[in-house]
Amino acid sequence: SKLKYEIAQHDSKVDFLCSVKHSAQGGPQLLPNLRL
């Protein structure tokens, strides 16, 4: 019941007791590492 933001790869698992409420995919990741 507490909302927080995250930037991660689509297949990345979320933390325990968390679920994805909203998300939008794009890419590439810029930080912490560029994933071209």
Full PDB file with SEQRES, HELIX, SHEET, SSBOND, CRYST1, ORIGX, SCALE, CONECT and MASTER records, all heavy atoms in Angstrom:
SEQRES   1 A   36  SER LYS LEU LYS TYR GLU ILE ALA GLN HIS ASP SER LYS          
SEQRES   2 A   36  VAL ASP PHE LEU CYS SER VAL LYS HIS SER ALA GLN GLY          
SEQRES   3 A   36  GLY PRO GLN LEU LEU PRO ASN LEU ARG LEU                      
CRYST1    1.000    1.000    1.000  90.00  90.00  90.00 P 1           1          
ORIGX1      1.000000  0.000000  0.000000        0.00000                         
ORIGX2      0.000000  1.000000  0.000000        0.00000                         
ORIGX3      0.000000  0.000000  1.000000        0.00000                         
SCALE1      1.000000  0.000000  0.000000        0.00000                         
SCALE2      0.000000  1.000000  0.000000        0.00000                         
SCALE3      0.000000  0.000000  1.000000        0.00000                         
ATOM      1  N   SER A   1       0.803  -1.239   0.000  1.00  0.00           N  
ATOM      2  CA  SER A   1       0.000   0.000   0.000  1.00  0.00           C  
ATOM      3  C   SER A   1       0.831   1.282   0.000  1.00  0.00           C  
ATOM      4  O   SER A   1       0.284   2.385   0.113  1.00  0.00           O  
ATOM      5  CB  SER A   1      -0.979   0.027   1.176  1.00  0.00           C  
ATOM      6  OG  SER A   1      -1.880  -1.059   1.087  1.00  0.00           O  
ATOM      7  N   LYS A   2       2.138   1.174  -0.141  1.00  0.00           N  
ATOM      8  CA  LYS A   2       2.988   2.344  -0.281  1.00  0.00           C  
ATOM      9  C   LYS A   2       3.579   2.352  -1.686  1.00  0.00           C  
ATOM     10  O   LYS A   2       4.150   1.360  -2.137  1.00  0.00           O  
ATOM     11  CB  LYS A   2       4.108   2.341   0.761  1.00  0.00           C  
ATOM     12  CG  LYS A   2       4.988   3.585   0.703  1.00  0.00           C  
ATOM     13  CD  LYS A   2       6.032   3.581   1.805  1.00  0.00           C  
ATOM     14  CE  LYS A   2       6.878   4.847   1.742  1.00  0.00           C  
ATOM     15  NZ  LYS A   2       7.908   4.880   2.818  1.00  0.00           N  
ATOM     16  N   LEU A   3       3.423   3.479  -2.393  1.00  0.00           N  
ATOM     17  CA  LEU A   3       3.878   3.571  -3.774  1.00  0.00           C  
ATOM     18  C   LEU A   3       5.321   4.053  -3.849  1.00  0.00           C  
ATOM     19  O   LEU A   3       5.740   4.925  -3.089  1.00  0.00           O  
ATOM     20  CB  LEU A   3       2.982   4.524  -4.568  1.00  0.00           C  
ATOM     21  CG  LEU A   3       1.495   4.162  -4.652  1.00  0.00           C  
ATOM     22  CD1 LEU A   3       0.752   5.204  -5.479  1.00  0.00           C  
ATOM     23  CD2 LEU A   3       1.296   2.766  -5.230  1.00  0.00           C  
ATOM     24  N   LYS A   4       6.073   3.464  -4.769  1.00  0.00           N  
ATOM     25  CA  LYS A   4       7.425   3.935  -5.033  1.00  0.00           C  
ATOM     26  C   LYS A   4       7.761   3.724  -6.498  1.00  0.00           C  
ATOM     27  O   LYS A   4       7.121   2.931  -7.195  1.00  0.00           O  
ATOM     28  CB  LYS A   4       8.447   3.242  -4.133  1.00  0.00           C  
ATOM     29  CG  LYS A   4       8.729   1.797  -4.473  1.00  0.00           C  
ATOM     30  CD  LYS A   4       9.873   1.267  -3.593  1.00  0.00           C  
ATOM     31  CE  LYS A   4      10.301  -0.130  -4.012  1.00  0.00           C  
ATOM     32  NZ  LYS A   4      11.445  -0.625  -3.206  1.00  0.00           N  
ATOM     33  N   TYR A   5       8.775   4.461  -6.973  1.00  0.00           N  
ATOM     34  CA  TYR A   5       9.189   4.390  -8.372  1.00  0.00           C  
ATOM     35  C   TYR A   5      10.360   3.424  -8.529  1.00  0.00           C  
ATOM     36  O   TYR A   5      11.140   3.207  -7.607  1.00  0.00           O  
ATOM     37  CB  TYR A   5       9.648   5.759  -8.872  1.00  0.00           C  
ATOM     38  CG  TYR A   5       8.653   6.877  -8.723  1.00  0.00           C  
ATOM     39  CD1 TYR A   5       8.914   7.941  -7.865  1.00  0.00           C  
ATOM     40  CD2 TYR A   5       7.468   6.896  -9.463  1.00  0.00           C  
ATOM     41  CE1 TYR A   5       8.019   8.993  -7.730  1.00  0.00           C  
ATOM     42  CE2 TYR A   5       6.569   7.948  -9.343  1.00  0.00           C  
ATOM     43  CZ  TYR A   5       6.846   8.988  -8.473  1.00  0.00           C  
ATOM     44  OH  TYR A   5       5.963  10.025  -8.345  1.00  0.00           O  
ATOM     45  N   GLU A   6      10.478   2.903  -9.762  1.00  0.00           N  
ATOM     46  CA  GLU A   6      11.618   2.044 -10.084  1.00  0.00           C  
ATOM     47  C   GLU A   6      11.852   2.075 -11.583  1.00  0.00           C  
ATOM     48  O   GLU A   6      10.904   2.137 -12.375  1.00  0.00           O  
ATOM     49  CB  GLU A   6      11.340   0.610  -9.625  1.00  0.00           C  
ATOM     50  CG  GLU A   6      12.481  -0.363  -9.891  1.00  0.00           C  
ATOM     51  CD  GLU A   6      12.162  -1.774  -9.411  1.00  0.00           C  
ATOM     52  OE1 GLU A   6      11.315  -2.444 -10.044  1.00  0.00           O  
ATOM     53  OE2 GLU A   6      12.756  -2.194  -8.407  1.00  0.00           O  
ATOM     54  N   ILE A   7      13.105   2.023 -11.973  1.00  0.00           N  
ATOM     55  CA  ILE A   7      13.490   1.842 -13.375  1.00  0.00           C  
ATOM     56  C   ILE A   7      14.261   0.538 -13.454  1.00  0.00           C  
ATOM     57  O   ILE A   7      15.261   0.352 -12.765  1.00  0.00           O  
ATOM     58  CB  ILE A   7      14.337   3.017 -13.887  1.00  0.00           C  
ATOM     59  CG1 ILE A   7      13.487   4.289 -13.971  1.00  0.00           C  
ATOM     60  CG2 ILE A   7      14.948   2.705 -15.254  1.00  0.00           C  
ATOM     61  CD1 ILE A   7      14.255   5.534 -14.390  1.00  0.00           C  
ATOM     62  N   ALA A   8      13.765  -0.386 -14.281  1.00  0.00           N  
ATOM     63  CA  ALA A   8      14.359  -1.723 -14.339  1.00  0.00           C  
ATOM     64  C   ALA A   8      14.017  -2.379 -15.666  1.00  0.00           C  
ATOM     65  O   ALA A   8      13.141  -1.906 -16.407  1.00  0.00           O  
ATOM     66  CB  ALA A   8      13.851  -2.585 -13.183  1.00  0.00           C  
ATOM     67  N   GLN A   9      14.685  -3.472 -15.975  1.00  0.00           N  
ATOM     68  CA  GLN A   9      14.345  -4.246 -17.155  1.00  0.00           C  
ATOM     69  C   GLN A   9      13.007  -4.962 -16.928  1.00  0.00           C  
ATOM     70  O   GLN A   9      12.646  -5.292 -15.794  1.00  0.00           O  
ATOM     71  CB  GLN A   9      15.443  -5.266 -17.483  1.00  0.00           C  
ATOM     72  CG  GLN A   9      16.662  -4.651 -18.143  1.00  0.00           C  
ATOM     73  CD  GLN A   9      17.465  -3.774 -17.193  1.00  0.00           C  
ATOM     74  OE1 GLN A   9      17.970  -4.221 -16.170  1.00  0.00           O  
ATOM     75  NE2 GLN A   9      17.567  -2.495 -17.520  1.00  0.00           N  
ATOM     76  N   HIS A  10      12.288  -5.202 -18.009  1.00  0.00           N  
ATOM     77  CA  HIS A  10      10.932  -5.732 -17.912  1.00  0.00           C  
ATOM     78  C   HIS A  10      10.865  -7.042 -17.143  1.00  0.00           C  
ATOM     79  O   HIS A  10       9.914  -7.267 -16.377  1.00  0.00           O  
ATOM     80  CB  HIS A  10      10.344  -5.931 -19.308  1.00  0.00           C  
ATOM     81  CG  HIS A  10       8.961  -6.511 -19.300  1.00  0.00           C  
ATOM     82  ND1 HIS A  10       7.846  -5.783 -18.942  1.00  0.00           N  
ATOM     83  CD2 HIS A  10       8.521  -7.772 -19.576  1.00  0.00           C  
ATOM     84  CE1 HIS A  10       6.780  -6.555 -19.002  1.00  0.00           C  
ATOM     85  NE2 HIS A  10       7.156  -7.763 -19.386  1.00  0.00           N  
ATOM     86  N   ASP A  11      11.843  -7.913 -17.334  1.00  0.00           N  
ATOM     87  CA  ASP A  11      11.812  -9.220 -16.673  1.00  0.00           C  
ATOM     88  C   ASP A  11      12.350  -9.192 -15.242  1.00  0.00           C  
ATOM     89  O   ASP A  11      12.359 -10.226 -14.561  1.00  0.00           O  
ATOM     90  CB  ASP A  11      12.609 -10.245 -17.493  1.00  0.00           C  
ATOM     91  CG  ASP A  11      11.918 -10.603 -18.802  1.00  0.00           C  
ATOM     92  OD1 ASP A  11      10.708 -10.334 -18.924  1.00  0.00           O  
ATOM     93  OD2 ASP A  11      12.593 -11.153 -19.697  1.00  0.00           O  
ATOM     94  N   SER A  12      12.800  -8.026 -14.792  1.00  0.00           N  
ATOM     95  CA  SER A  12      13.344  -7.937 -13.438  1.00  0.00           C  
ATOM     96  C   SER A  12      12.237  -8.137 -12.409  1.00  0.00           C  
ATOM     97  O   SER A  12      11.156  -7.561 -12.519  1.00  0.00           O  
ATOM     98  CB  SER A  12      13.998  -6.576 -13.203  1.00  0.00           C  
ATOM     99  OG  SER A  12      15.090  -6.396 -14.075  1.00  0.00           O  
ATOM    100  N   LYS A  13      12.522  -8.941 -11.406  1.00  0.00           N  
ATOM    101  CA  LYS A  13      11.546  -9.192 -10.356  1.00  0.00           C  
ATOM    102  C   LYS A  13      11.472  -7.993  -9.413  1.00  0.00           C  
ATOM    103  O   LYS A  13      12.455  -7.290  -9.200  1.00  0.00           O  
ATOM    104  CB  LYS A  13      11.921 -10.452  -9.569  1.00  0.00           C  
ATOM    105  CG  LYS A  13      11.841 -11.735 -10.400  1.00  0.00           C  
ATOM    106  CD  LYS A  13      12.181 -12.960  -9.548  1.00  0.00           C  
ATOM    107  CE  LYS A  13      12.072 -14.232 -10.367  1.00  0.00           C  
ATOM    108  NZ  LYS A  13      12.390 -15.438  -9.562  1.00  0.00           N  
ATOM    109  N   VAL A  14      10.297  -7.785  -8.841  1.00  0.00           N  
ATOM    110  CA  VAL A  14      10.125  -6.698  -7.887  1.00  0.00           C  
ATOM    111  C   VAL A  14      10.403  -7.212  -6.479  1.00  0.00           C  
ATOM    112  O   VAL A  14      10.443  -8.424  -6.236  1.00  0.00           O  
ATOM    113  CB  VAL A  14       8.702  -6.111  -7.965  1.00  0.00           C  
ATOM    114  CG1 VAL A  14       8.451  -5.531  -9.340  1.00  0.00           C  
ATOM    115  CG2 VAL A  14       7.654  -7.170  -7.632  1.00  0.00           C  
ATOM    116  N   ASP A  15      10.601  -6.286  -5.550  1.00  0.00           N  
ATOM    117  CA  ASP A  15      10.892  -6.665  -4.173  1.00  0.00           C  
ATOM    118  C   ASP A  15       9.714  -7.393  -3.536  1.00  0.00           C  
ATOM    119  O   ASP A  15       8.562  -7.259  -3.970  1.00  0.00           O  
ATOM    120  CB  ASP A  15      11.224  -5.418  -3.339  1.00  0.00           C  
ATOM    121  CG  ASP A  15      12.538  -4.786  -3.741  1.00  0.00           C  
ATOM    122  OD1 ASP A  15      13.355  -5.482  -4.368  1.00  0.00           O  
ATOM    123  OD2 ASP A  15      12.743  -3.591  -3.436  1.00  0.00           O  
ATOM    124  N   PHE A  16      10.011  -8.116  -2.500  1.00  0.00           N  
ATOM    125  CA  PHE A  16       8.985  -8.846  -1.754  1.00  0.00           C  
ATOM    126  C   PHE A  16       7.923  -7.867  -1.242  1.00  0.00           C  
ATOM    127  O   PHE A  16       8.235  -6.780  -0.778  1.00  0.00           O  
ATOM    128  CB  PHE A  16       9.628  -9.588  -0.578  1.00  0.00           C  
ATOM    129  CG  PHE A  16       8.676 -10.390   0.240  1.00  0.00           C  
ATOM    130  CD1 PHE A  16       8.025 -11.491  -0.299  1.00  0.00           C  
ATOM    131  CD2 PHE A  16       8.424 -10.049   1.560  1.00  0.00           C  
ATOM    132  CE1 PHE A  16       7.140 -12.240   0.460  1.00  0.00           C  
ATOM    133  CE2 PHE A  16       7.554 -10.783   2.331  1.00  0.00           C  
ATOM    134  CZ  PHE A  16       6.902 -11.882   1.787  1.00  0.00           C  
ATOM    135  N   LEU A  17       6.663  -8.259  -1.353  1.00  0.00           N  
ATOM    136  CA  LEU A  17       5.497  -7.464  -0.963  1.00  0.00           C  
ATOM    137  C   LEU A  17       5.201  -6.317  -1.927  1.00  0.00           C  
ATOM    138  O   LEU A  17       4.333  -5.479  -1.656  1.00  0.00           O  
ATOM    139  CB  LEU A  17       5.634  -6.907   0.461  1.00  0.00           C  
ATOM    140  CG  LEU A  17       5.641  -7.936   1.603  1.00  0.00           C  
ATOM    141  CD1 LEU A  17       5.769  -7.219   2.945  1.00  0.00           C  
ATOM    142  CD2 LEU A  17       4.383  -8.794   1.582  1.00  0.00           C  
ATOM    143  N   CYS A  18       5.911  -6.271  -3.053  1.00  0.00           N  
ATOM    144  CA  CYS A  18       5.663  -5.238  -4.061  1.00  0.00           C  
ATOM    145  C   CYS A  18       5.037  -5.850  -5.313  1.00  0.00           C  
ATOM    146  O   CYS A  18       5.262  -7.022  -5.631  1.00  0.00           O  
ATOM    147  CB  CYS A  18       6.962  -4.538  -4.452  1.00  0.00           C  
ATOM    148  SG  CYS A  18       7.721  -3.567  -3.145  1.00  0.00           S  
ATOM    149  N   SER A  19       4.287  -5.035  -6.031  1.00  0.00           N  
ATOM    150  CA  SER A  19       3.730  -5.437  -7.323  1.00  0.00           C  
ATOM    151  C   SER A  19       3.756  -4.231  -8.248  1.00  0.00           C  
ATOM    152  O   SER A  19       3.768  -3.076  -7.794  1.00  0.00           O  
ATOM    153  CB  SER A  19       2.298  -5.958  -7.173  1.00  0.00           C  
ATOM    154  OG  SER A  19       1.450  -4.952  -6.635  1.00  0.00           O  
ATOM    155  N   VAL A  20       3.775  -4.480  -9.557  1.00  0.00           N  
ATOM    156  CA  VAL A  20       3.800  -3.392 -10.536  1.00  0.00           C  
ATOM    157  C   VAL A  20       2.381  -2.874 -10.728  1.00  0.00           C  
ATOM    158  O   VAL A  20       1.510  -3.572 -11.228  1.00  0.00           O  
ATOM    159  CB  VAL A  20       4.385  -3.872 -11.878  1.00  0.00           C  
ATOM    160  CG1 VAL A  20       4.342  -2.731 -12.894  1.00  0.00           C  
ATOM    161  CG2 VAL A  20       5.816  -4.370 -11.703  1.00  0.00           C  
ATOM    162  N   LYS A  21       2.164  -1.629 -10.318  1.00  0.00           N  
ATOM    163  CA  LYS A  21       0.844  -1.015 -10.470  1.00  0.00           C  
ATOM    164  C   LYS A  21       0.709  -0.355 -11.842  1.00  0.00           C  
ATOM    165  O   LYS A  21      -0.285  -0.518 -12.525  1.00  0.00           O  
ATOM    166  CB  LYS A  21       0.608   0.018  -9.368  1.00  0.00           C  
ATOM    167  CG  LYS A  21      -0.790   0.632  -9.379  1.00  0.00           C  
ATOM    168  CD  LYS A  21      -1.006   1.525  -8.177  1.00  0.00           C  
ATOM    169  CE  LYS A  21      -2.398   2.157  -8.183  1.00  0.00           C  
ATOM    170  NZ  LYS A  21      -3.467   1.117  -8.063  1.00  0.00           N  
ATOM    171  N   HIS A  22       1.722   0.424 -12.225  1.00  0.00           N  
ATOM    172  CA  HIS A  22       1.756   1.071 -13.540  1.00  0.00           C  
ATOM    173  C   HIS A  22       3.177   0.954 -14.100  1.00  0.00           C  
ATOM    174  O   HIS A  22       4.147   1.005 -13.346  1.00  0.00           O  
ATOM    175  CB  HIS A  22       1.408   2.560 -13.452  1.00  0.00           C  
ATOM    176  CG  HIS A  22       0.135   2.879 -12.744  1.00  0.00           C  
ATOM    177  ND1 HIS A  22      -1.093   2.505 -13.223  1.00  0.00           N  
ATOM    178  CD2 HIS A  22      -0.085   3.551 -11.584  1.00  0.00           C  
ATOM    179  CE1 HIS A  22      -2.033   2.943 -12.395  1.00  0.00           C  
ATOM    180  NE2 HIS A  22      -1.447   3.565 -11.389  1.00  0.00           N  
ATOM    181  N   SER A  23       3.293   0.830 -15.415  1.00  0.00           N  
ATOM    182  CA  SER A  23       4.636   0.838 -16.014  1.00  0.00           C  
ATOM    183  C   SER A  23       4.547   1.165 -17.499  1.00  0.00           C  
ATOM    184  O   SER A  23       3.522   0.934 -18.149  1.00  0.00           O  
ATOM    185  CB  SER A  23       5.343  -0.513 -15.825  1.00  0.00           C  
ATOM    186  OG  SER A  23       4.723  -1.520 -16.587  1.00  0.00           O  
ATOM    187  N   ALA A  24       5.644   1.704 -18.012  1.00  0.00           N  
ATOM    188  CA  ALA A  24       5.775   1.962 -19.444  1.00  0.00           C  
ATOM    189  C   ALA A  24       7.195   1.622 -19.858  1.00  0.00           C  
ATOM    190  O   ALA A  24       8.163   2.090 -19.253  1.00  0.00           O  
ATOM    191  CB  ALA A  24       5.457   3.410 -19.786  1.00  0.00           C  
ATOM    192  N   GLN A  25       7.310   0.817 -20.892  1.00  0.00           N  
ATOM    193  CA  GLN A  25       8.613   0.371 -21.382  1.00  0.00           C  
ATOM    194  C   GLN A  25       9.098   1.290 -22.491  1.00  0.00           C  
ATOM    195  O   GLN A  25       8.301   1.859 -23.247  1.00  0.00           O  
ATOM    196  CB  GLN A  25       8.500  -1.062 -21.893  1.00  0.00           C  
ATOM    197  CG  GLN A  25       9.813  -1.747 -22.193  1.00  0.00           C  
ATOM    198  CD  GLN A  25       9.599  -3.136 -22.758  1.00  0.00           C  
ATOM    199  OE1 GLN A  25       8.713  -3.352 -23.575  1.00  0.00           O  
ATOM    200  NE2 GLN A  25      10.401  -4.085 -22.309  1.00  0.00           N  
ATOM    201  N   GLY A  26      10.378   1.449 -22.563  1.00  0.00           N  
ATOM    202  CA  GLY A  26      10.991   2.230 -23.630  1.00  0.00           C  
ATOM    203  C   GLY A  26      12.394   1.723 -23.860  1.00  0.00           C  
ATOM    204  O   GLY A  26      12.605   0.654 -24.406  1.00  0.00           O  
ATOM    205  N   GLY A  27      13.361   2.510 -23.394  1.00  0.00           N  
ATOM    206  CA  GLY A  27      14.746   2.118 -23.525  1.00  0.00           C  
ATOM    207  C   GLY A  27      15.491   2.992 -24.522  1.00  0.00           C  
ATOM    208  O   GLY A  27      14.888   3.731 -25.297  1.00  0.00           O  
ATOM    209  N   PRO A  28      16.817   2.932 -24.451  1.00  0.00           N  
ATOM    210  CA  PRO A  28      17.591   2.078 -23.566  1.00  0.00           C  
ATOM    211  C   PRO A  28      17.726   2.658 -22.162  1.00  0.00           C  
ATOM    212  O   PRO A  28      17.451   3.830 -21.940  1.00  0.00           O  
ATOM    213  CB  PRO A  28      18.961   2.047 -24.240  1.00  0.00           C  
ATOM    214  CG  PRO A  28      19.066   3.399 -24.885  1.00  0.00           C  
ATOM    215  CD  PRO A  28      17.680   3.708 -25.375  1.00  0.00           C  
ATOM    216  N   GLN A  29      18.156   1.810 -21.226  1.00  0.00           N  
ATOM    217  CA  GLN A  29      18.571   2.305 -19.922  1.00  0.00           C  
ATOM    218  C   GLN A  29      19.783   3.204 -20.116  1.00  0.00           C  
ATOM    219  O   GLN A  29      20.694   2.889 -20.883  1.00  0.00           O  
ATOM    220  CB  GLN A  29      18.937   1.131 -19.009  1.00  0.00           C  
ATOM    221  CG  GLN A  29      19.495   1.558 -17.662  1.00  0.00           C  
ATOM    222  CD  GLN A  29      19.906   0.376 -16.810  1.00  0.00           C  
ATOM    223  OE1 GLN A  29      19.066  -0.344 -16.289  1.00  0.00           O  
ATOM    224  NE2 GLN A  29      21.216   0.159 -16.680  1.00  0.00           N  
ATOM    225  N   LEU A  30      19.783   4.348 -19.425  1.00  0.00           N  
ATOM    226  CA  LEU A  30      20.900   5.294 -19.497  1.00  0.00           C  
ATOM    227  C   LEU A  30      21.797   5.203 -18.277  1.00  0.00           C  
ATOM    228  O   LEU A  30      23.019   5.224 -18.381  1.00  0.00           O  
ATOM    229  CB  LEU A  30      20.356   6.722 -19.634  1.00  0.00           C  
ATOM    230  CG  LEU A  30      19.411   6.991 -20.804  1.00  0.00           C  
ATOM    231  CD1 LEU A  30      18.891   8.421 -20.742  1.00  0.00           C  
ATOM    232  CD2 LEU A  30      20.086   6.714 -22.135  1.00  0.00           C  
ATOM    233  N   LEU A  31      21.172   5.148 -17.109  1.00  0.00           N  
ATOM    234  CA  LEU A  31      21.884   5.044 -15.835  1.00  0.00           C  
ATOM    235  C   LEU A  31      21.251   3.956 -14.988  1.00  0.00           C  
ATOM    236  O   LEU A  31      20.032   3.731 -15.087  1.00  0.00           O  
ATOM    237  CB  LEU A  31      21.810   6.377 -15.060  1.00  0.00           C  
ATOM    238  CG  LEU A  31      22.465   7.605 -15.688  1.00  0.00           C  
ATOM    239  CD1 LEU A  31      22.127   8.852 -14.867  1.00  0.00           C  
ATOM    240  CD2 LEU A  31      23.972   7.438 -15.809  1.00  0.00           C  
ATOM    241  N   PRO A  32      22.024   3.228 -14.194  1.00  0.00           N  
ATOM    242  CA  PRO A  32      23.451   3.443 -13.915  1.00  0.00           C  
ATOM    243  C   PRO A  32      24.389   3.004 -15.030  1.00  0.00           C  
ATOM    244  O   PRO A  32      25.555   3.406 -15.038  1.00  0.00           O  
ATOM    245  CB  PRO A  32      23.678   2.604 -12.663  1.00  0.00           C  
ATOM    246  CG  PRO A  32      22.656   1.524 -12.736  1.00  0.00           C  
ATOM    247  CD  PRO A  32      21.461   2.153 -13.361  1.00  0.00           C  
ATOM    248  N   ASN A  33      23.891   2.185 -15.968  1.00  0.00           N  
ATOM    249  CA  ASN A  33      24.726   1.738 -17.086  1.00  0.00           C  
ATOM    250  C   ASN A  33      23.948   1.867 -18.381  1.00  0.00           C  
ATOM    251  O   ASN A  33      22.744   1.587 -18.430  1.00  0.00           O  
ATOM    252  CB  ASN A  33      25.158   0.278 -16.889  1.00  0.00           C  
ATOM    253  CG  ASN A  33      25.940   0.055 -15.612  1.00  0.00           C  
ATOM    254  OD1 ASN A  33      26.980   0.665 -15.401  1.00  0.00           O  
ATOM    255  ND2 ASN A  33      25.419  -0.801 -14.743  1.00  0.00           N  
ATOM    256  N   LEU A  34      24.622   2.279 -19.428  1.00  0.00           N  
ATOM    257  CA  LEU A  34      24.016   2.373 -20.745  1.00  0.00           C  
ATOM    258  C   LEU A  34      23.920   0.983 -21.363  1.00  0.00           C  
ATOM    259  O   LEU A  34      24.917   0.271 -21.449  1.00  0.00           O  
ATOM    260  CB  LEU A  34      24.857   3.297 -21.629  1.00  0.00           C  
ATOM    261  CG  LEU A  34      24.286   3.691 -22.991  1.00  0.00           C  
ATOM    262  CD1 LEU A  34      22.928   4.365 -22.847  1.00  0.00           C  
ATOM    263  CD2 LEU A  34      25.256   4.627 -23.709  1.00  0.00           C  
ATOM    264  N   ARG A  35      22.705   0.589 -21.782  1.00  0.00           N  
ATOM    265  CA  ARG A  35      22.462  -0.769 -22.265  1.00  0.00           C  
ATOM    266  C   ARG A  35      22.022  -0.741 -23.745  1.00  0.00           C  
ATOM    267  O   ARG A  35      20.869  -1.020 -24.062  1.00  0.00           O  
ATOM    268  CB  ARG A  35      21.381  -1.444 -21.414  1.00  0.00           C  
ATOM    269  CG  ARG A  35      21.831  -1.761 -19.992  1.00  0.00           C  
ATOM    270  CD  ARG A  35      20.669  -2.272 -19.158  1.00  0.00           C  
ATOM    271  NE  ARG A  35      19.941  -3.353 -19.802  1.00  0.00           N  
ATOM    272  CZ  ARG A  35      20.257  -4.645 -19.693  1.00  0.00           C  
ATOM    273  NH1 ARG A  35      21.305  -5.016 -18.967  1.00  0.00           N  
ATOM    274  NH2 ARG A  35      19.526  -5.556 -20.302  1.00  0.00           N  
ATOM    275  N   LEU A  36      22.937  -0.404 -24.618  1.00  0.00           N  
ATOM    276  CA  LEU A  36      22.603  -0.310 -26.037  1.00  0.00           C  
ATOM    277  C   LEU A  36      22.560  -1.672 -26.715  1.00  0.00           C  
ATOM    278  O   LEU A  36      21.580  -2.002 -27.405  1.00  0.00           O  
ATOM    279  CB  LEU A  36      23.608   0.599 -26.743  1.00  0.00           C  
ATOM    280  CG  LEU A  36      23.529   2.088 -26.402  1.00  0.00           C  
ATOM    281  CD1 LEU A  36      24.633   2.841 -27.131  1.00  0.00           C  
ATOM    282  CD2 LEU A  36      22.165   2.659 -26.741  1.00  0.00           C  
TER     283      LEU A  36                                                      
MASTER        0    0    0    0    0    0    0    6  282    1    0    3          
END                                                                             
